[in-house]
Amino acid sequence: SDAQANQFASENLIVAEYSAKIRQIIQQSWQIPPSARNGMTALVRLQLVPTGEVVGVSIVQSSGDRVFDRSVEQAVERAARFPELQELGNAVFERNFRTFDLLFRPEDLLR
């Protein structure tokens, strides 16, 4: 139905917006190691609770550089909490942010 399609579209927009906020916060506390090279990617999985607290962080796809992977995990650990997520409805949170993957690339910061 159109109503469902619209709801889905708006949820996707909300998810994109909050994902971008979370990424921005993590990147602010990300200290990229000297070993980082363009083309490296690390996929990190956050486990979150509705208060926005990070209760778990793991690398699901390694960059191949342990130091780089660890720097991404540490950035998430420093961010620790995303209180903005409390603004989301519970259903939206559960569907999209209970576990949540982000891709990190050095070129996002080295530009």
PDB file of N, CA and C in Angstrom:
ATOM      1  N   SER A   1       0.840  -1.203   0.000  1.00  0.00           N
ATOM      2  CA  SER A   1       0.000   0.000   0.000  1.00  0.00           C
ATOM      3  C   SER A   1       0.875   1.253   0.000  1.00  0.00           C
ATOM      4  N   ASP A   2       0.301   2.357  -0.419  1.00  0.00           N
ATOM      5  CA  ASP A   2       1.036   3.621  -0.454  1.00  0.00           C
ATOM      6  C   ASP A   2       1.456   4.059   0.939  1.00  0.00           C
ATOM      7  N   ALA A   3       0.557   3.878   1.905  1.00  0.00           N
ATOM      8  CA  ALA A   3       0.858   4.291   3.280  1.00  0.00           C
ATOM      9  C   ALA A   3       2.078   3.527   3.804  1.00  0.00           C
ATOM     10  N   GLN A   4       2.104   2.228   3.525  1.00  0.00           N
ATOM     11  CA  GLN A   4       3.237   1.415   3.962  1.00  0.00           C
ATOM     12  C   GLN A   4       4.518   1.853   3.263  1.00  0.00           C
ATOM     13  N   ALA A   5       4.414   2.106   1.970  1.00  0.00           N
ATOM     14  CA  ALA A   5       5.579   2.536   1.200  1.00  0.00           C
ATOM     15  C   ALA A   5       6.124   3.857   1.752  1.00  0.00           C
ATOM     16  N   ASN A   6       5.210   4.775   2.068  1.00  0.00           N
ATOM     17  CA  ASN A   6       5.622   6.064   2.628  1.00  0.00           C
ATOM     18  C   ASN A   6       6.272   5.915   3.988  1.00  0.00           C
ATOM     19  N   GLN A   7       5.702   5.044   4.796  1.00  0.00           N
ATOM     20  CA  GLN A   7       6.253   4.810   6.127  1.00  0.00           C
ATOM     21  C   GLN A   7       7.667   4.240   6.004  1.00  0.00           C
ATOM     22  N   PHE A   8       7.824   3.315   5.058  1.00  0.00           N
ATOM     23  CA  PHE A   8       9.117   2.682   4.825  1.00  0.00           C
ATOM     24  C   PHE A   8      10.139   3.715   4.358  1.00  0.00           C
ATOM     25  N   ALA A   9       9.709   4.595   3.416  1.00  0.00           N
ATOM     26  CA  ALA A   9      10.599   5.632   2.885  1.00  0.00           C
ATOM     27  C   ALA A   9      11.031   6.588   3.993  1.00  0.00           C
ATOM     28  N   SER A  10      10.081   6.995   4.842  1.00  0.00           N
ATOM     29  CA  SER A  10      10.440   7.940   5.893  1.00  0.00           C
ATOM     30  C   SER A  10      11.325   7.268   6.941  1.00  0.00           C
ATOM     31  N   GLU A  11      11.082   5.981   7.208  1.00  0.00           N
ATOM     32  CA  GLU A  11      11.953   5.268   8.146  1.00  0.00           C
ATOM     33  C   GLU A  11      13.378   5.188   7.590  1.00  0.00           C
ATOM     34  N   ASN A  12      13.485   4.929   6.283  1.00  0.00           N
ATOM     35  CA  ASN A  12      14.816   4.891   5.668  1.00  0.00           C
ATOM     36  C   ASN A  12      15.533   6.222   5.792  1.00  0.00           C
ATOM     37  N   LEU A  13      14.797   7.315   5.631  1.00  0.00           N
ATOM     38  CA  LEU A  13      15.390   8.649   5.774  1.00  0.00           C
ATOM     39  C   LEU A  13      15.874   8.874   7.202  1.00  0.00           C
ATOM     40  N   ILE A  14      15.044   8.480   8.166  1.00  0.00           N
ATOM     41  CA  ILE A  14      15.411   8.617   9.579  1.00  0.00           C
ATOM     42  C   ILE A  14      16.663   7.798   9.875  1.00  0.00           C
ATOM     43  N   VAL A  15      16.673   6.569   9.389  1.00  0.00           N
ATOM     44  CA  VAL A  15      17.819   5.686   9.619  1.00  0.00           C
ATOM     45  C   VAL A  15      19.082   6.288   9.013  1.00  0.00           C
ATOM     46  N   ALA A  16      18.963   6.816   7.798  1.00  0.00           N
ATOM     47  CA  ALA A  16      20.124   7.425   7.134  1.00  0.00           C
ATOM     48  C   ALA A  16      20.632   8.622   7.934  1.00  0.00           C
ATOM     49  N   GLU A  17      19.701   9.426   8.441  1.00  0.00           N
ATOM     50  CA  GLU A  17      20.055  10.624   9.197  1.00  0.00           C
ATOM     51  C   GLU A  17      20.777  10.263  10.506  1.00  0.00           C
ATOM     52  N   TYR A  18      20.225   9.291  11.228  1.00  0.00           N
ATOM     53  CA  TYR A  18      20.824   8.908  12.504  1.00  0.00           C
ATOM     54  C   TYR A  18      22.133   8.148  12.303  1.00  0.00           C
ATOM     55  N   SER A  19      22.205   7.356  11.236  1.00  0.00           N
ATOM     56  CA  SER A  19      23.452   6.667  10.903  1.00  0.00           C
ATOM     57  C   SER A  19      24.559   7.689  10.653  1.00  0.00           C
ATOM     58  N   ALA A  20      24.215   8.744   9.909  1.00  0.00           N
ATOM     59  CA  ALA A  20      25.190   9.788   9.592  1.00  0.00           C
ATOM     60  C   ALA A  20      25.645  10.499  10.867  1.00  0.00           C
ATOM     61  N   LYS A  21      24.698  10.756  11.789  1.00  0.00           N
ATOM     62  CA  LYS A  21      25.048  11.394  13.067  1.00  0.00           C
ATOM     63  C   LYS A  21      26.024  10.520  13.859  1.00  0.00           C
ATOM     64  N   ILE A  22      25.707   9.229  13.928  1.00  0.00           N
ATOM     65  CA  ILE A  22      26.549   8.304  14.686  1.00  0.00           C
ATOM     66  C   ILE A  22      27.941   8.250  14.069  1.00  0.00           C
ATOM     67  N   ARG A  23      28.000   8.141  12.734  1.00  0.00           N
ATOM     68  CA  ARG A  23      29.282   8.104  12.042  1.00  0.00           C
ATOM     69  C   ARG A  23      30.107   9.362  12.349  1.00  0.00           C
ATOM     70  N   GLN A  24      29.438  10.514  12.308  1.00  0.00           N
ATOM     71  CA  GLN A  24      30.110  11.786  12.552  1.00  0.00           C
ATOM     72  C   GLN A  24      30.712  11.827  13.959  1.00  0.00           C
ATOM     73  N   ILE A  25      29.932  11.390  14.934  1.00  0.00           N
ATOM     74  CA  ILE A  25      30.393  11.378  16.330  1.00  0.00           C
ATOM     75  C   ILE A  25      31.604  10.447  16.486  1.00  0.00           C
ATOM     76  N   ILE A  26      31.520   9.275  15.880  1.00  0.00           N
ATOM     77  CA  ILE A  26      32.635   8.326  15.982  1.00  0.00           C
ATOM     78  C   ILE A  26      33.874   8.894  15.294  1.00  0.00           C
ATOM     79  N   GLN A  27      33.675   9.489  14.119  1.00  0.00           N
ATOM     80  CA  GLN A  27      34.825  10.019  13.380  1.00  0.00           C
ATOM     81  C   GLN A  27      35.528  11.135  14.139  1.00  0.00           C
ATOM     82  N   GLN A  28      34.760  11.894  14.929  1.00  0.00           N
ATOM     83  CA  GLN A  28      35.379  12.964  15.723  1.00  0.00           C
ATOM     84  C   GLN A  28      36.346  12.418  16.757  1.00  0.00           C
ATOM     85  N   SER A  29      36.113  11.176  17.217  1.00  0.00           N
ATOM     86  CA  SER A  29      37.011  10.630  18.227  1.00  0.00           C
ATOM     87  C   SER A  29      37.962   9.577  17.640  1.00  0.00           C
ATOM     88  N   TRP A  30      37.959   9.478  16.299  1.00  0.00           N
ATOM     89  CA  TRP A  30      38.790   8.483  15.618  1.00  0.00           C
ATOM     90  C   TRP A  30      40.185   9.014  15.395  1.00  0.00           C
ATOM     91  N   GLN A  31      41.151   8.347  15.965  1.00  0.00           N
ATOM     92  CA  GLN A  31      42.557   8.701  15.729  1.00  0.00           C
ATOM     93  C   GLN A  31      43.127   7.674  14.762  1.00  0.00           C
ATOM     94  N   ILE A  32      43.248   8.080  13.505  1.00  0.00           N
ATOM     95  CA  ILE A  32      43.699   7.149  12.476  1.00  0.00           C
ATOM     96  C   ILE A  32      45.187   6.850  12.667  1.00  0.00           C
ATOM     97  N   PRO A  33      45.549   5.568  12.725  1.00  0.00           N
ATOM     98  CA  PRO A  33      46.953   5.225  12.916  1.00  0.00           C
ATOM     99  C   PRO A  33      47.780   5.524  11.665  1.00  0.00           C
ATOM    100  N   PRO A  34      49.090   5.733  11.847  1.00  0.00           N
ATOM    101  CA  PRO A  34      49.960   6.034  10.706  1.00  0.00           C
ATOM    102  C   PRO A  34      49.967   4.919   9.660  1.00  0.00           C
ATOM    103  N   SER A  35      49.632   3.706  10.071  1.00  0.00           N
ATOM    104  CA  SER A  35      49.640   2.566   9.144  1.00  0.00           C
ATOM    105  C   SER A  35      48.456   2.582   8.177  1.00  0.00           C
ATOM    106  N   ALA A  36      47.485   3.452   8.423  1.00  0.00           N
ATOM    107  CA  ALA A  36      46.279   3.490   7.586  1.00  0.00           C
ATOM    108  C   ALA A  36      46.627   3.916   6.168  1.00  0.00           C
ATOM    109  N   ARG A  37      46.012   3.249   5.233  1.00  0.00           N
ATOM    110  CA  ARG A  37      46.213   3.572   3.814  1.00  0.00           C
ATOM    111  C   ARG A  37      44.855   3.714   3.138  1.00  0.00           C
ATOM    112  N   ASN A  38      44.810   4.575   2.110  1.00  0.00           N
ATOM    113  CA  ASN A  38      43.598   4.664   1.297  1.00  0.00           C
ATOM    114  C   ASN A  38      43.273   3.289   0.742  1.00  0.00           C
ATOM    115  N   GLY A  39      41.996   2.978   0.677  1.00  0.00           N
ATOM    116  CA  GLY A  39      41.587   1.683   0.150  1.00  0.00           C
ATOM    117  C   GLY A  39      41.311   0.676   1.261  1.00  0.00           C
ATOM    118  N   MET A  40      41.800   0.967   2.482  1.00  0.00           N
ATOM    119  CA  MET A  40      41.486   0.089   3.614  1.00  0.00           C
ATOM    120  C   MET A  40      40.032   0.314   4.011  1.00  0.00           C
ATOM    121  N   THR A  41      39.359  -0.756   4.395  1.00  0.00           N
ATOM    122  CA  THR A  41      38.012  -0.619   4.947  1.00  0.00           C
ATOM    123  C   THR A  41      37.867  -1.567   6.123  1.00  0.00           C
ATOM    124  N   ALA A  42      37.221  -1.092   7.149  1.00  0.00           N
ATOM    125  CA  ALA A  42      36.878  -1.943   8.297  1.00  0.00           C
ATOM    126  C   ALA A  42      35.386  -1.801   8.531  1.00  0.00           C
ATOM    127  N   LEU A  43      34.692  -2.931   8.595  1.00  0.00           N
ATOM    128  CA  LEU A  43      33.263  -2.911   8.882  1.00  0.00           C
ATOM    129  C   LEU A  43      33.086  -3.233  10.360  1.00  0.00           C
ATOM    130  N   VAL A  44      32.501  -2.291  11.074  1.00  0.00           N
ATOM    131  CA  VAL A  44      32.348  -2.455  12.521  1.00  0.00           C
ATOM    132  C   VAL A  44      30.872  -2.631  12.856  1.00  0.00           C
ATOM    133  N   ARG A  45      30.593  -3.528  13.785  1.00  0.00           N
ATOM    134  CA  ARG A  45      29.211  -3.771  14.227  1.00  0.00           C
ATOM    135  C   ARG A  45      29.037  -3.235  15.640  1.00  0.00           C
ATOM    136  N   LEU A  46      28.073  -2.345  15.788  1.00  0.00           N
ATOM    137  CA  LEU A  46      27.742  -1.795  17.099  1.00  0.00           C
ATOM    138  C   LEU A  46      26.522  -2.531  17.631  1.00  0.00           C
ATOM    139  N   GLN A  47      26.554  -2.853  18.907  1.00  0.00           N
ATOM    140  CA  GLN A  47      25.347  -3.338  19.585  1.00  0.00           C
ATOM    141  C   GLN A  47      24.917  -2.231  20.527  1.00  0.00           C
ATOM    142  N   LEU A  48      23.670  -1.823  20.390  1.00  0.00           N
ATOM    143  CA  LEU A  48      23.181  -0.669  21.122  1.00  0.00           C
ATOM    144  C   LEU A  48      21.946  -1.030  21.923  1.00  0.00           C
ATOM    145  N   VAL A  49      21.699  -0.253  22.978  1.00  0.00           N
ATOM    146  CA  VAL A  49      20.448  -0.350  23.727  1.00  0.00           C
ATOM    147  C   VAL A  49      19.676   0.949  23.516  1.00  0.00           C
ATOM    148  N   PRO A  50      18.357   0.950  23.808  1.00  0.00           N
ATOM    149  CA  PRO A  50      17.523   2.111  23.470  1.00  0.00           C
ATOM    150  C   PRO A  50      17.976   3.438  24.079  1.00  0.00           C
ATOM    151  N   THR A  51      18.767   3.413  25.140  1.00  0.00           N
ATOM    152  CA  THR A  51      19.298   4.665  25.692  1.00  0.00           C
ATOM    153  C   THR A  51      20.386   5.241  24.798  1.00  0.00           C
ATOM    154  N   GLY A  52      20.805   4.485  23.787  1.00  0.00           N
ATOM    155  CA  GLY A  52      21.851   4.950  22.885  1.00  0.00           C
ATOM    156  C   GLY A  52      23.235   4.477  23.307  1.00  0.00           C
ATOM    157  N   GLU A  53      23.294   3.722  24.416  1.00  0.00           N
ATOM    158  CA  GLU A  53      24.588   3.237  24.877  1.00  0.00           C
ATOM    159  C   GLU A  53      25.101   2.098  24.022  1.00  0.00           C
ATOM    160  N   VAL A  54      26.408   2.127  23.781  1.00  0.00           N
ATOM    161  CA  VAL A  54      27.069   1.038  23.069  1.00  0.00           C
ATOM    162  C   VAL A  54      27.357  -0.072  24.071  1.00  0.00           C
ATOM    163  N   VAL A  55      26.813  -1.269  23.813  1.00  0.00           N
ATOM    164  CA  VAL A  55      27.053  -2.391  24.721  1.00  0.00           C
ATOM    165  C   VAL A  55      27.962  -3.442  24.083  1.00  0.00           C
ATOM    166  N   GLY A  56      28.290  -3.244  22.823  1.00  0.00           N
ATOM    167  CA  GLY A  56      29.200  -4.173  22.162  1.00  0.00           C
ATOM    168  C   GLY A  56      29.742  -3.557  20.894  1.00  0.00           C
ATOM    169  N   VAL A  57      30.985  -3.874  20.596  1.00  0.00           N
ATOM    170  CA  VAL A  57      31.579  -3.420  19.334  1.00  0.00           C
ATOM    171  C   VAL A  57      32.479  -4.532  18.828  1.00  0.00           C
ATOM    172  N   SER A  58      32.327  -4.858  17.542  1.00  0.00           N
ATOM    173  CA  SER A  58      33.193  -5.881  16.966  1.00  0.00           C
ATOM    174  C   SER A  58      33.450  -5.568  15.499  1.00  0.00           C
ATOM    175  N   ILE A  59      34.602  -6.000  15.038  1.00  0.00           N
ATOM    176  CA  ILE A  59      34.944  -5.853  13.627  1.00  0.00           C
ATOM    177  C   ILE A  59      34.383  -7.078  12.904  1.00  0.00           C
ATOM    178  N   VAL A  60      33.483  -6.846  11.958  1.00  0.00           N
ATOM    179  CA  VAL A  60      32.923  -7.980  11.226  1.00  0.00           C
ATOM    180  C   VAL A  60      33.649  -8.212   9.907  1.00  0.00           C
ATOM    181  N   GLN A  61      34.330  -7.172   9.446  1.00  0.00           N
ATOM    182  CA  GLN A  61      35.152  -7.349   8.255  1.00  0.00           C
ATOM    183  C   GLN A  61      36.423  -6.549   8.475  1.00  0.00           C
ATOM    184  N   SER A  62      37.530  -7.247   8.599  1.00  0.00           N
ATOM    185  CA  SER A  62      38.799  -6.611   8.943  1.00  0.00           C
ATOM    186  C   SER A  62      39.380  -5.854   7.760  1.00  0.00           C
ATOM    187  N   SER A  63      40.131  -4.813   8.067  1.00  0.00           N
ATOM    188  CA  SER A  63      40.866  -4.070   7.040  1.00  0.00           C
ATOM    189  C   SER A  63      42.121  -4.839   6.633  1.00  0.00           C
ATOM    190  N   GLY A  64      42.477  -5.853   7.427  1.00  0.00           N
ATOM    191  CA  GLY A  64      43.733  -6.557   7.200  1.00  0.00           C
ATOM    192  C   GLY A  64      44.860  -5.962   8.029  1.00  0.00           C
ATOM    193  N   ASP A  65      44.565  -4.847   8.702  1.00  0.00           N
ATOM    194  CA  ASP A  65      45.543  -4.170   9.560  1.00  0.00           C
ATOM    195  C   ASP A  65      44.962  -4.110  10.969  1.00  0.00           C
ATOM    196  N   ARG A  66      45.536  -4.878  11.868  1.00  0.00           N
ATOM    197  CA  ARG A  66      44.959  -4.970  13.223  1.00  0.00           C
ATOM    198  C   ARG A  66      44.943  -3.634  13.944  1.00  0.00           C
ATOM    199  N   VAL A  67      45.978  -2.840  13.706  1.00  0.00           N
ATOM    200  CA  VAL A  67      46.068  -1.531  14.371  1.00  0.00           C
ATOM    201  C   VAL A  67      44.939  -0.618  13.888  1.00  0.00           C
ATOM    202  N   PHE A  68      44.695  -0.665  12.591  1.00  0.00           N
ATOM    203  CA  PHE A  68      43.609   0.127  12.015  1.00  0.00           C
ATOM    204  C   PHE A  68      42.259  -0.337  12.564  1.00  0.00           C
ATOM    205  N   ASP A  69      42.041  -1.656  12.571  1.00  0.00           N
ATOM    206  CA  ASP A  69      40.785  -2.201  13.113  1.00  0.00           C
ATOM    207  C   ASP A  69      40.578  -1.733  14.548  1.00  0.00           C
ATOM    208  N   ARG A  70      41.639  -1.827  15.327  1.00  0.00           N
ATOM    209  CA  ARG A  70      41.554  -1.453  16.748  1.00  0.00           C
ATOM    210  C   ARG A  70      41.233   0.036  16.899  1.00  0.00           C
ATOM    211  N   SER A  71      41.786   0.861  16.020  1.00  0.00           N
ATOM    212  CA  SER A  71      41.530   2.315  16.103  1.00  0.00           C
ATOM    213  C   SER A  71      40.055   2.622  15.892  1.00  0.00           C
ATOM    214  N   VAL A  72      39.406   1.837  15.024  1.00  0.00           N
ATOM    215  CA  VAL A  72      37.971   2.009  14.774  1.00  0.00           C
ATOM    216  C   VAL A  72      37.182   1.595  16.022  1.00  0.00           C
ATOM    217  N   GLU A  73      37.546   0.443  16.594  1.00  0.00           N
ATOM    218  CA  GLU A  73      36.869  -0.009  17.821  1.00  0.00           C
ATOM    219  C   GLU A  73      37.032   1.020  18.940  1.00  0.00           C
ATOM    220  N   GLN A  74      38.235   1.557  19.068  1.00  0.00           N
ATOM    221  CA  GLN A  74      38.486   2.529  20.144  1.00  0.00           C
ATOM    222  C   GLN A  74      37.683   3.810  19.931  1.00  0.00           C
ATOM    223  N   ALA A  75      37.523   4.215  18.693  1.00  0.00           N
ATOM    224  CA  ALA A  75      36.723   5.416  18.401  1.00  0.00           C
ATOM    225  C   ALA A  75      35.278   5.206  18.847  1.00  0.00           C
ATOM    226  N   VAL A  76      34.749   4.003  18.594  1.00  0.00           N
ATOM    227  CA  VAL A  76      33.385   3.680  19.022  1.00  0.00           C
ATOM    228  C   VAL A  76      33.316   3.677  20.550  1.00  0.00           C
ATOM    229  N   GLU A  77      34.317   3.061  21.171  1.00  0.00           N
ATOM    230  CA  GLU A  77      34.333   2.985  22.643  1.00  0.00           C
ATOM    231  C   GLU A  77      34.424   4.381  23.258  1.00  0.00           C
ATOM    232  N   ARG A  78      35.183   5.270  22.637  1.00  0.00           N
ATOM    233  CA  ARG A  78      35.275   6.647  23.154  1.00  0.00           C
ATOM    234  C   ARG A  78      33.944   7.377  23.003  1.00  0.00           C
ATOM    235  N   ALA A  79      33.263   7.137  21.878  1.00  0.00           N
ATOM    236  CA  ALA A  79      31.954   7.775  21.666  1.00  0.00           C
ATOM    237  C   ALA A  79      30.959   7.257  22.710  1.00  0.00           C
ATOM    238  N   ALA A  80      30.972   5.948  22.946  1.00  0.00           N
ATOM    239  CA  ALA A  80      30.292   5.268  24.058  1.00  0.00           C
ATOM    240  C   ALA A  80      28.758   5.337  24.056  1.00  0.00           C
ATOM    241  N   ARG A  81      28.203   6.460  23.641  1.00  0.00           N
ATOM    242  CA  ARG A  81      26.766   6.622  23.776  1.00  0.00           C
ATOM    243  C   ARG A  81      26.244   7.638  22.768  1.00  0.00           C
ATOM    244  N   PHE A  82      25.105   7.346  22.189  1.00  0.00           N
ATOM    245  CA  PHE A  82      24.466   8.229  21.207  1.00  0.00           C
ATOM    246  C   PHE A  82      23.059   8.557  21.698  1.00  0.00           C
ATOM    247  N   PRO A  83      22.960   9.536  22.607  1.00  0.00           N
ATOM    248  CA  PRO A  83      21.663   9.827  23.236  1.00  0.00           C
ATOM    249  C   PRO A  83      20.581  10.195  22.220  1.00  0.00           C
ATOM    250  N   GLU A  84      20.998  10.666  21.021  1.00  0.00           N
ATOM    251  CA  GLU A  84      20.027  11.009  19.977  1.00  0.00           C
ATOM    252  C   GLU A  84      19.089   9.841  19.676  1.00  0.00           C
ATOM    253  N   LEU A  85      19.579   8.622  19.856  1.00  0.00           N
ATOM    254  CA  LEU A  85      18.764   7.450  19.524  1.00  0.00           C
ATOM    255  C   LEU A  85      17.524   7.339  20.397  1.00  0.00           C
ATOM    256  N   GLN A  86      17.540   8.015  21.541  1.00  0.00           N
ATOM    257  CA  GLN A  86      16.359   8.004  22.408  1.00  0.00           C
ATOM    258  C   GLN A  86      15.172   8.694  21.751  1.00  0.00           C
ATOM    259  N   GLU A  87      15.450   9.518  20.735  1.00  0.00           N
ATOM    260  CA  GLU A  87      14.371  10.233  20.041  1.00  0.00           C
ATOM    261  C   GLU A  87      13.584   9.291  19.130  1.00  0.00           C
ATOM    262  N   LEU A  88      14.168   8.137  18.814  1.00  0.00           N
ATOM    263  CA  LEU A  88      13.520   7.215  17.882  1.00  0.00           C
ATOM    264  C   LEU A  88      12.431   6.418  18.574  1.00  0.00           C
ATOM    265  N   GLY A  89      11.427   6.047  17.813  1.00  0.00           N
ATOM    266  CA  GLY A  89      10.433   5.118  18.340  1.00  0.00           C
ATOM    267  C   GLY A  89      11.096   3.768  18.572  1.00  0.00           C
ATOM    268  N   ASN A  90      10.534   3.008  19.509  1.00  0.00           N
ATOM    269  CA  ASN A  90      11.123   1.722  19.863  1.00  0.00           C
ATOM    270  C   ASN A  90      11.201   0.762  18.671  1.00  0.00           C
ATOM    271  N   ALA A  91      10.155   0.727  17.869  1.00  0.00           N
ATOM    272  CA  ALA A  91      10.130  -0.199  16.730  1.00  0.00           C
ATOM    273  C   ALA A  91      11.232   0.145  15.726  1.00  0.00           C
ATOM    274  N   VAL A  92      11.391   1.431  15.467  1.00  0.00           N
ATOM    275  CA  VAL A  92      12.432   1.880  14.534  1.00  0.00           C
ATOM    276  C   VAL A  92      13.810   1.537  15.097  1.00  0.00           C
ATOM    277  N   PHE A  93      13.987   1.769  16.395  1.00  0.00           N
ATOM    278  CA  PHE A  93      15.257   1.414  17.038  1.00  0.00           C
ATOM    279  C   PHE A  93      15.541  -0.081  16.891  1.00  0.00           C
ATOM    280  N   GLU A  94      14.565  -0.896  17.266  1.00  0.00           N
ATOM    281  CA  GLU A  94      14.759  -2.351  17.244  1.00  0.00           C
ATOM    282  C   GLU A  94      15.088  -2.861  15.838  1.00  0.00           C
ATOM    283  N   ARG A  95      14.397  -2.302  14.847  1.00  0.00           N
ATOM    284  CA  ARG A  95      14.614  -2.765  13.471  1.00  0.00           C
ATOM    285  C   ARG A  95      15.972  -2.364  12.931  1.00  0.00           C
ATOM    286  N   ASN A  96      16.472  -1.207  13.356  1.00  0.00           N
ATOM    287  CA  ASN A  96      17.622  -0.621  12.659  1.00  0.00           C
ATOM    288  C   ASN A  96      18.880  -0.402  13.489  1.00  0.00           C
ATOM    289  N   PHE A  97      18.729  -0.239  14.789  1.00  0.00           N
ATOM    290  CA  PHE A  97      19.891   0.171  15.579  1.00  0.00           C
ATOM    291  C   PHE A  97      20.250  -0.764  16.724  1.00  0.00           C
ATOM    292  N   ARG A  98      19.501  -1.824  16.929  1.00  0.00           N
ATOM    293  CA  ARG A  98      19.856  -2.785  17.989  1.00  0.00           C
ATOM    294  C   ARG A  98      21.240  -3.361  17.660  1.00  0.00           C
ATOM    295  N   THR A  99      21.409  -3.814  16.430  1.00  0.00           N
ATOM    296  CA  THR A  99      22.758  -4.047  15.909  1.00  0.00           C
ATOM    297  C   THR A  99      22.847  -3.265  14.617  1.00  0.00           C
ATOM    298  N   PHE A 100      24.027  -2.735  14.372  1.00  0.00           N
ATOM    299  CA  PHE A 100      24.146  -1.671  13.394  1.00  0.00           C
ATOM    300  C   PHE A 100      25.577  -1.682  12.861  1.00  0.00           C
ATOM    301  N   ASP A 101      25.722  -1.805  11.536  1.00  0.00           N
ATOM    302  CA  ASP A 101      27.060  -1.879  10.927  1.00  0.00           C
ATOM    303  C   ASP A 101      27.454  -0.558  10.276  1.00  0.00           C
ATOM    304  N   LEU A 102      28.700  -0.193  10.450  1.00  0.00           N
ATOM    305  CA  LEU A 102      29.248   1.001   9.801  1.00  0.00           C
ATOM    306  C   LEU A 102      30.563   0.637   9.126  1.00  0.00           C
ATOM    307  N   LEU A 103      30.785   1.188   7.955  1.00  0.00           N
ATOM    308  CA  LEU A 103      32.030   0.968   7.226  1.00  0.00           C
ATOM    309  C   LEU A 103      32.940   2.182   7.420  1.00  0.00           C
ATOM    310  N   PHE A 104      34.170   1.912   7.804  1.00  0.00           N
ATOM    311  CA  PHE A 104      35.143   2.991   7.983  1.00  0.00           C
ATOM    312  C   PHE A 104      36.280   2.877   6.987  1.00  0.00           C
ATOM    313  N   ARG A 105      36.596   4.006   6.388  1.00  0.00           N
ATOM    314  CA  ARG A 105      37.685   4.092   5.419  1.00  0.00           C
ATOM    315  C   ARG A 105      38.558   5.287   5.777  1.00  0.00           C
ATOM    316  N   PRO A 106      39.874   5.122   5.731  1.00  0.00           N
ATOM    317  CA  PRO A 106      40.741   6.260   6.068  1.00  0.00           C
ATOM    318  C   PRO A 106      40.464   7.480   5.200  1.00  0.00           C
ATOM    319  N   GLU A 107      40.114   7.253   3.914  1.00  0.00           N
ATOM    320  CA  GLU A 107      39.949   8.428   3.045  1.00  0.00           C
ATOM    321  C   GLU A 107      38.779   9.303   3.471  1.00  0.00           C
ATOM    322  N   ASP A 108      37.881   8.763   4.313  1.00  0.00           N
ATOM    323  CA  ASP A 108      36.800   9.605   4.825  1.00  0.00           C
ATOM    324  C   ASP A 108      37.374  10.747   5.668  1.00  0.00           C
ATOM    325  N   LEU A 109      38.536  10.531   6.271  1.00  0.00           N
ATOM    326  CA  LEU A 109      39.137  11.545   7.139  1.00  0.00           C
ATOM    327  C   LEU A 109      40.390  12.157   6.562  1.00  0.00           C
ATOM    328  N   LEU A 110      41.072  11.461   5.665  1.00  0.00           N
ATOM    329  CA  LEU A 110      42.381  11.918   5.229  1.00  0.00           C
ATOM    330  C   LEU A 110      42.312  12.941   4.093  1.00  0.00           C
ATOM    331  N   ARG A 111      41.098  13.228   3.609  1.00  0.00           N
ATOM    332  CA  ARG A 111      40.956  14.186   2.505  1.00  0.00           C
ATOM    333  C   ARG A 111      41.559  15.532   2.861  1.00  0.00           C
TER     334      ARG A 111
END
